[in-house]
Amino acid sequence: MNVIDEKDEFLEKEFDFSKAVKNPYAKELNNQITIKINKVAIDYFKEEAEETGIPYQTLINLYLTDCAMNKKKINIKWE
């Protein structure tokens, strides 16, 4: 029997899972990716993380999510 098939007797005794529902947010779970971000940006979010108590990767995700949800446009002018 593998770990997935094993039943947890404690959980079954303590909790009633008969009315359990699937996680409605499962479709919105994060995808793990690899991305190159410069040191200045990482250091900025790490400083913000220390001030807010929120992990820096979460802060980056929140910022990017806000940009996407609000359809913010990038405005960069090179001179």
Protein backbone atom coordinates (compact mmCIF):
# COMPACT_ATOMS: atom_id res chain seq x y z
CA MET A 1 0.00 0.00 0.00
CA ASN A 2 1.47 3.40 -0.94
CA VAL A 3 1.20 6.58 1.12
CA ILE A 4 -1.68 7.95 -0.95
CA ASP A 5 -3.81 4.86 -0.30
CA GLU A 6 -3.17 4.83 3.44
CA LYS A 7 -5.99 6.12 5.60
CA ASP A 8 -5.30 8.42 8.51
CA GLU A 9 -7.38 7.07 11.37
CA PHE A 10 -6.98 10.26 13.40
CA LEU A 11 -8.30 12.45 10.60
CA GLU A 12 -11.21 10.13 9.95
CA LYS A 13 -12.19 10.17 13.64
CA GLU A 14 -11.73 13.91 14.16
CA PHE A 15 -13.11 15.33 10.92
CA ASP A 16 -16.15 14.63 8.76
CA PHE A 17 -15.07 14.77 5.12
CA SER A 18 -18.42 13.57 3.78
CA LYS A 19 -19.38 17.13 2.78
CA ALA A 20 -15.96 18.17 1.53
CA VAL A 21 -15.81 20.15 -1.71
CA LYS A 22 -12.98 20.67 -4.15
CA ASN A 23 -10.88 23.79 -3.76
CA PRO A 24 -12.60 26.41 -5.96
CA TYR A 25 -9.29 28.23 -6.35
CA ALA A 26 -7.34 25.21 -7.59
CA LYS A 27 -7.35 26.61 -11.12
CA GLU A 28 -5.63 29.75 -9.84
CA LEU A 29 -2.72 27.99 -8.14
CA ASN A 30 0.71 29.41 -8.88
CA ASN A 31 2.94 27.99 -11.58
CA GLN A 32 6.59 27.61 -10.72
CA ILE A 33 8.85 29.20 -13.33
CA THR A 34 12.44 30.28 -13.67
CA ILE A 35 12.97 33.97 -14.36
CA LYS A 36 16.02 36.19 -14.42
CA ILE A 37 15.54 39.34 -12.33
CA ASN A 38 18.34 41.82 -11.71
CA LYS A 39 19.83 42.33 -8.26
CA VAL A 40 18.45 45.85 -7.86
CA ALA A 41 14.86 44.60 -8.25
CA ILE A 42 15.40 41.61 -5.94
CA ASP A 43 17.03 43.81 -3.28
CA TYR A 44 14.12 46.26 -3.50
CA PHE A 45 11.53 43.53 -2.90
CA LYS A 46 13.64 41.97 -0.13
CA GLU A 47 13.73 45.34 1.67
CA GLU A 48 9.96 45.64 1.24
CA ALA A 49 9.61 42.10 2.59
CA GLU A 50 11.51 43.01 5.75
CA GLU A 51 9.29 46.06 6.30
CA THR A 52 5.99 44.31 5.61
CA GLY A 53 6.73 40.80 6.88
CA ILE A 54 5.53 39.39 3.56
CA PRO A 55 7.98 37.09 1.69
CA TYR A 56 9.65 38.89 -1.22
CA GLN A 57 8.49 36.32 -3.78
CA THR A 58 4.92 36.87 -2.62
CA LEU A 59 5.37 40.63 -2.99
CA ILE A 60 6.68 40.21 -6.53
CA ASN A 61 3.72 37.96 -7.35
CA LEU A 62 1.25 40.43 -5.82
CA TYR A 63 2.75 43.30 -7.81
CA LEU A 64 2.69 41.41 -11.10
CA THR A 65 -0.83 40.15 -10.43
CA ASP A 66 -1.98 43.72 -9.75
CA CYS A 67 -0.43 44.83 -13.05
CA ALA A 68 -2.20 42.03 -14.92
CA MET A 69 -5.58 42.47 -13.21
CA ASN A 70 -5.57 46.23 -13.78
CA LYS A 71 -4.18 45.87 -17.31
CA LYS A 72 -1.36 48.28 -16.56
CA LYS A 73 0.66 49.25 -19.61
CA ILE A 74 4.42 49.54 -19.62
CA ASN A 75 5.55 53.08 -20.40
CA ILE A 76 9.29 53.11 -21.02
CA LYS A 77 10.94 55.92 -22.96
CA TRP A 78 14.54 55.46 -24.03
CA GLU A 79 16.53 58.60 -24.78
